[in-house]
C-alpha atoms as a PDB file:
ATOM      1  CA  MET A   1     -39.960  23.939  31.090  1.00  0.00           C
ATOM      2  CA  LYS A   2     -43.747  23.640  31.409  1.00  0.00           C
ATOM      3  CA  LYS A   3     -44.243  25.200  28.084  1.00  0.00           C
ATOM      4  CA  VAL A   4     -41.815  22.484  26.246  1.00  0.00           C
ATOM      5  CA  LEU A   5     -43.734  19.816  28.185  1.00  0.00           C
ATOM      6  CA  ALA A   6     -46.901  21.226  27.056  1.00  0.00           C
ATOM      7  CA  ILE A   7     -45.702  21.194  23.419  1.00  0.00           C
ATOM      8  CA  LEU A   8     -44.558  17.547  23.816  1.00  0.00           C
ATOM      9  CA  SER A   9     -47.919  16.566  25.128  1.00  0.00           C
ATOM     10  CA  LEU A  10     -49.718  17.556  21.787  1.00  0.00           C
ATOM     11  CA  TYR A  11     -47.998  14.338  20.680  1.00  0.00           C
ATOM     12  CA  VAL A  12     -49.568  12.207  23.493  1.00  0.00           C
ATOM     13  CA  PRO A  13     -52.837  10.538  22.572  1.00  0.00           C
ATOM     14  CA  GLN A  14     -55.687  12.781  24.392  1.00  0.00           C
ATOM     15  CA  SER A  15     -57.150   9.660  26.045  1.00  0.00           C
ATOM     16  CA  TRP A  16     -53.844   9.502  28.310  1.00  0.00           C
ATOM     17  CA  LEU A  17     -54.243  13.017  29.427  1.00  0.00           C
ATOM     18  CA  SER A  18     -56.765  14.195  32.234  1.00  0.00           C
ATOM     19  CA  THR A  19     -59.131  16.926  31.418  1.00  0.00           C
ATOM     20  CA  THR A  20     -57.826  19.168  33.707  1.00  0.00           C
ATOM     21  CA  TYR A  21     -54.414  19.014  32.208  1.00  0.00           C
ATOM     22  CA  ILE A  22     -55.607  19.497  28.761  1.00  0.00           C
ATOM     23  CA  VAL A  23     -57.274  22.963  29.940  1.00  0.00           C
ATOM     24  CA  GLU A  24     -54.173  23.799  31.745  1.00  0.00           C
ATOM     25  CA  ARG A  25     -52.157  23.120  28.526  1.00  0.00           C
ATOM     26  CA  ILE A  26     -54.245  25.515  26.733  1.00  0.00           C
ATOM     27  CA  SER A  27     -53.531  28.181  29.034  1.00  0.00           C
ATOM     28  CA  ILE A  28     -49.921  27.509  29.255  1.00  0.00           C
ATOM     29  CA  LEU A  29     -49.526  27.433  25.170  1.00  0.00           C
ATOM     30  CA  ALA A  30     -51.834  30.446  24.713  1.00  0.00           C
ATOM     31  CA  ASP A  31     -50.852  34.053  24.191  1.00  0.00           C
ATOM     32  CA  ASP A  32     -51.348  36.650  26.544  1.00  0.00           C
ATOM     33  CA  PRO A  33     -54.834  38.379  25.678  1.00  0.00           C
ATOM     34  CA  HIS A  34     -53.472  41.676  26.760  1.00  0.00           C
ATOM     35  CA  THR A  35     -50.768  41.732  24.119  1.00  0.00           C
ATOM     36  CA  CYS A  36     -52.483  39.339  21.413  1.00  0.00           C
ATOM     37  CA  GLU A  37     -53.293  40.583  18.100  1.00  0.00           C
ATOM     38  CA  HIS A  38     -56.262  38.510  17.755  1.00  0.00           C
ATOM     39  CA  GLU A  39     -56.954  35.873  14.935  1.00  0.00           C
ATOM     40  CA  TRP A  40     -60.611  34.812  15.288  1.00  0.00           C
ATOM     41  CA  ASP A  41     -62.562  31.581  14.529  1.00  0.00           C
ATOM     42  CA  VAL A  42     -66.259  31.393  14.654  1.00  0.00           C
ATOM     43  CA  VAL A  43     -66.970  28.617  16.913  1.00  0.00           C
ATOM     44  CA  ALA A  44     -70.658  28.717  17.720  1.00  0.00           C
ATOM     45  CA  GLY A  45     -74.043  30.473  17.338  1.00  0.00           C
ATOM     46  CA  ILE A  46     -75.529  31.588  20.650  1.00  0.00           C
ATOM     47  CA  LEU A  47     -79.493  31.094  20.036  1.00  0.00           C
ATOM     48  CA  SER A  48     -80.632  33.072  22.934  1.00  0.00           C
ATOM     49  CA  THR A  49     -78.823  36.373  21.796  1.00  0.00           C
ATOM     50  CA  MET A  50     -78.475  35.394  18.277  1.00  0.00           C
ATOM     51  CA  GLU A  51     -74.975  36.319  18.371  1.00  0.00           C
ATOM     52  CA  LEU A  52     -72.010  34.388  16.674  1.00  0.00           C
ATOM     53  CA  GLN A  53     -69.271  33.185  19.182  1.00  0.00           C
ATOM     54  CA  VAL A  54     -65.711  33.923  18.107  1.00  0.00           C
ATOM     55  CA  GLN A  55     -62.488  32.454  19.591  1.00  0.00           C
ATOM     56  CA  CYS A  56     -58.880  33.713  19.204  1.00  0.00           C
ATOM     57  CA  ARG A  57     -56.594  30.939  17.690  1.00  0.00           C
ATOM     58  CA  LYS A  58     -53.561  32.498  19.367  1.00  0.00           C
ATOM     59  CA  CYS A  59     -54.797  33.280  23.226  1.00  0.00           C
ATOM     60  CA  ALA A  60     -58.039  31.098  23.023  1.00  0.00           C
ATOM     61  CA  ALA A  61     -60.051  34.224  24.255  1.00  0.00           C
ATOM     62  CA  TYR A  62     -63.724  34.120  23.432  1.00  0.00           C
ATOM     63  CA  SER A  63     -65.894  37.304  22.294  1.00  0.00           C
ATOM     64  CA  GLU A  64     -68.984  37.760  20.082  1.00  0.00           C
ATOM     65  CA  VAL A  65     -70.186  39.219  16.751  1.00  0.00           C
ATOM     66  CA  PRO A  66     -73.760  40.616  17.295  1.00  0.00           C
ATOM     67  CA  ASN A  67     -76.483  41.166  14.785  1.00  0.00           C
ATOM     68  CA  PRO A  68     -75.096  38.396  12.206  1.00  0.00           C
ATOM     69  CA  SER A  69     -76.828  38.605   8.742  1.00  0.00           C
ATOM     70  CA  LYS A  70     -79.130  35.697   7.886  1.00  0.00           C
ATOM     71  CA  GLU A  71     -76.117  34.220   5.868  1.00  0.00           C
ATOM     72  CA  GLU A  72     -73.774  34.501   8.712  1.00  0.00           C
ATOM     73  CA  TRP A  73     -76.189  32.855  10.995  1.00  0.00           C
ATOM     74  CA  GLY A  74     -76.758  30.014   8.633  1.00  0.00           C
ATOM     75  CA  SER A  75     -72.919  29.410   7.969  1.00  0.00           C
ATOM     76  CA  CYS A  76     -72.487  29.029  11.802  1.00  0.00           C
ATOM     77  CA  ALA A  77     -74.543  25.821  11.953  1.00  0.00           C
ATOM     78  CA  GLY A  78     -71.667  23.612  12.008  1.00  0.00           C
ATOM     79  CA  ALA A  79     -69.005  25.923  13.599  1.00  0.00           C
ATOM     80  CA  MET A  80     -68.302  23.829  16.772  1.00  0.00           C
ATOM     81  CA  GLU A  81     -67.224  20.811  14.760  1.00  0.00           C
ATOM     82  CA  ASN A  82     -65.656  23.012  11.908  1.00  0.00           C
ATOM     83  CA  PRO A  83     -64.704  26.201  13.362  1.00  0.00           C
ATOM     84  CA  TYR A  84     -64.018  28.773  10.490  1.00  0.00           C
ATOM     85  CA  PRO A  85     -62.082  32.354  10.233  1.00  0.00           C
ATOM     86  CA  TRP A  86     -63.687  35.607  10.909  1.00  0.00           C
ATOM     87  CA  GLU A  87     -61.939  38.526   9.467  1.00  0.00           C
ATOM     88  CA  ASP A  88     -64.245  41.291  10.225  1.00  0.00           C
ATOM     89  CA  LYS A  89     -62.419  42.601  13.447  1.00  0.00           C
ATOM     90  CA  SER A  90     -64.547  45.658  13.457  1.00  0.00           C
ATOM     91  CA  ARG A  91     -67.586  43.936  14.348  1.00  0.00           C
ATOM     92  CA  ILE A  92     -66.521  41.864  17.193  1.00  0.00           C
ATOM     93  CA  ARG A  93     -67.822  43.034  20.735  1.00  0.00           C
ATOM     94  CA  TYR A  94     -64.989  42.265  23.210  1.00  0.00           C
ATOM     95  CA  TYR A  95     -65.627  40.853  26.485  1.00  0.00           C
ATOM     96  CA  GLN A  96     -64.112  42.489  29.523  1.00  0.00           C
ATOM     97  CA  ILE A  97     -62.837  39.681  32.138  1.00  0.00           C
ATOM     98  CA  ASP A  98     -60.754  40.386  35.130  1.00  0.00           C
ATOM     99  CA  ASP A  99     -60.033  44.024  33.797  1.00  0.00           C
ATOM    100  CA  THR A 100     -58.818  42.482  30.495  1.00  0.00           C
ATOM    101  CA  ILE A 101     -60.489  43.191  27.096  1.00  0.00           C
ATOM    102  CA  HIS A 102     -60.807  40.079  25.167  1.00  0.00           C
END
């Protein structure tokens, strides 16, 4: 039932929903990171460590791509507003959170 309500809430204007519920909705709709076959999008560039931050479209988990090329780094400038797909899964360094590799 929670999943049905979360799906229906996608049709409700965001301004009518609390920020807490929007975050909860993501966890309700997201796949389990343990079993997810990740599909990554670049969502940001991490300036302090010069890495690309990627997020899975299916389970909302975050990870990073270390040592991006100059072209890759330049491309991530607008990624927060316009995420774009990341195909090279071999270069992703997965996060370890609560005994789960993301």
